Amino acid sequence: MFLSMIAAKIRAYLRYRETVRELSRLTDRELDDLGLSRSDIQYVARTHAA
């Protein structure tokens, strides 16, 4: 049980980092097309990873 909880936390963190990396690669124009700004990236990544 404990190991599966740790594994889930690690997977969530990896999803968070991947989302941040992908969104950070977008231009400001592309982010605007999605309705996001650079300051929204971490929030969106946390929401996605949860």
C-alpha atoms as a PDB file:
ATOM      1  CA  MET A   1       0.000   0.000   0.000  1.00  0.00           C
ATOM      2  CA  PHE A   2       2.737   2.428   0.970  1.00  0.00           C
ATOM      3  CA  LEU A   3       4.777   1.657  -2.137  1.00  0.00           C
ATOM      4  CA  SER A   4       1.792   2.118  -4.423  1.00  0.00           C
ATOM      5  CA  MET A   5       1.140   5.516  -2.828  1.00  0.00           C
ATOM      6  CA  ILE A   6       4.748   6.553  -3.438  1.00  0.00           C
ATOM      7  CA  ALA A   7       4.560   5.282  -7.028  1.00  0.00           C
ATOM      8  CA  ALA A   8       1.370   7.305  -7.589  1.00  0.00           C
ATOM      9  CA  LYS A   9       3.058  10.449  -6.233  1.00  0.00           C
ATOM     10  CA  ILE A  10       6.037   9.895  -8.530  1.00  0.00           C
ATOM     11  CA  ARG A  11       3.765   9.402 -11.561  1.00  0.00           C
ATOM     12  CA  ALA A  12       1.859  12.580 -10.683  1.00  0.00           C
ATOM     13  CA  TYR A  13       5.114  14.520 -10.372  1.00  0.00           C
ATOM     14  CA  LEU A  14       6.315  13.199 -13.741  1.00  0.00           C
ATOM     15  CA  ARG A  15       2.992  14.224 -15.358  1.00  0.00           C
ATOM     16  CA  TYR A  16       3.381  17.666 -13.778  1.00  0.00           C
ATOM     17  CA  ARG A  17       6.930  18.103 -15.108  1.00  0.00           C
ATOM     18  CA  GLU A  18       5.967  16.897 -18.585  1.00  0.00           C
ATOM     19  CA  THR A  19       3.027  19.303 -18.723  1.00  0.00           C
ATOM     20  CA  VAL A  20       5.201  22.228 -17.592  1.00  0.00           C
ATOM     21  CA  ARG A  21       7.837  21.318 -20.173  1.00  0.00           C
ATOM     22  CA  GLU A  22       5.333  21.055 -23.030  1.00  0.00           C
ATOM     23  CA  LEU A  23       3.488  24.252 -22.189  1.00  0.00           C
ATOM     24  CA  SER A  24       6.739  26.151 -21.669  1.00  0.00           C
ATOM     25  CA  ARG A  25       7.778  25.296 -25.222  1.00  0.00           C
ATOM     26  CA  LEU A  26       4.745  27.103 -26.640  1.00  0.00           C
ATOM     27  CA  THR A  27       5.010  30.698 -27.771  1.00  0.00           C
ATOM     28  CA  ASP A  28       3.017  33.423 -26.046  1.00  0.00           C
ATOM     29  CA  ARG A  29       0.754  33.512 -29.099  1.00  0.00           C
ATOM     30  CA  GLU A  30       0.054  29.766 -28.892  1.00  0.00           C
ATOM     31  CA  LEU A  31      -0.643  30.021 -25.169  1.00  0.00           C
ATOM     32  CA  ASP A  32      -3.009  32.912 -25.835  1.00  0.00           C
ATOM     33  CA  ASP A  33      -4.847  30.756 -28.386  1.00  0.00           C
ATOM     34  CA  LEU A  34      -5.383  28.239 -25.583  1.00  0.00           C
ATOM     35  CA  GLY A  35      -6.555  30.969 -23.238  1.00  0.00           C
ATOM     36  CA  LEU A  36      -3.453  30.697 -21.048  1.00  0.00           C
ATOM     37  CA  SER A  37      -0.621  32.951 -20.018  1.00  0.00           C
ATOM     38  CA  ARG A  38       2.846  31.973 -18.822  1.00  0.00           C
ATOM     39  CA  SER A  39       1.765  32.519 -15.230  1.00  0.00           C
ATOM     40  CA  ASP A  40      -0.963  29.863 -15.659  1.00  0.00           C
ATOM     41  CA  ILE A  41       1.412  27.061 -16.648  1.00  0.00           C
ATOM     42  CA  GLN A  42       2.190  25.761 -13.155  1.00  0.00           C
ATOM     43  CA  TYR A  43      -1.462  25.883 -12.095  1.00  0.00           C
ATOM     44  CA  VAL A  44      -2.590  24.006 -15.197  1.00  0.00           C
ATOM     45  CA  ALA A  45       0.182  21.434 -14.730  1.00  0.00           C
ATOM     46  CA  ARG A  46      -0.748  20.861 -11.077  1.00  0.00           C
ATOM     47  CA  THR A  47      -4.402  20.472 -12.014  1.00  0.00           C
ATOM     48  CA  HIS A  48      -3.534  18.042 -14.799  1.00  0.00           C
ATOM     49  CA  ALA A  49      -1.267  15.953 -12.571  1.00  0.00           C
ATOM     50  CA  ALA A  50      -3.793  15.643  -9.736  1.00  0.00           C
END
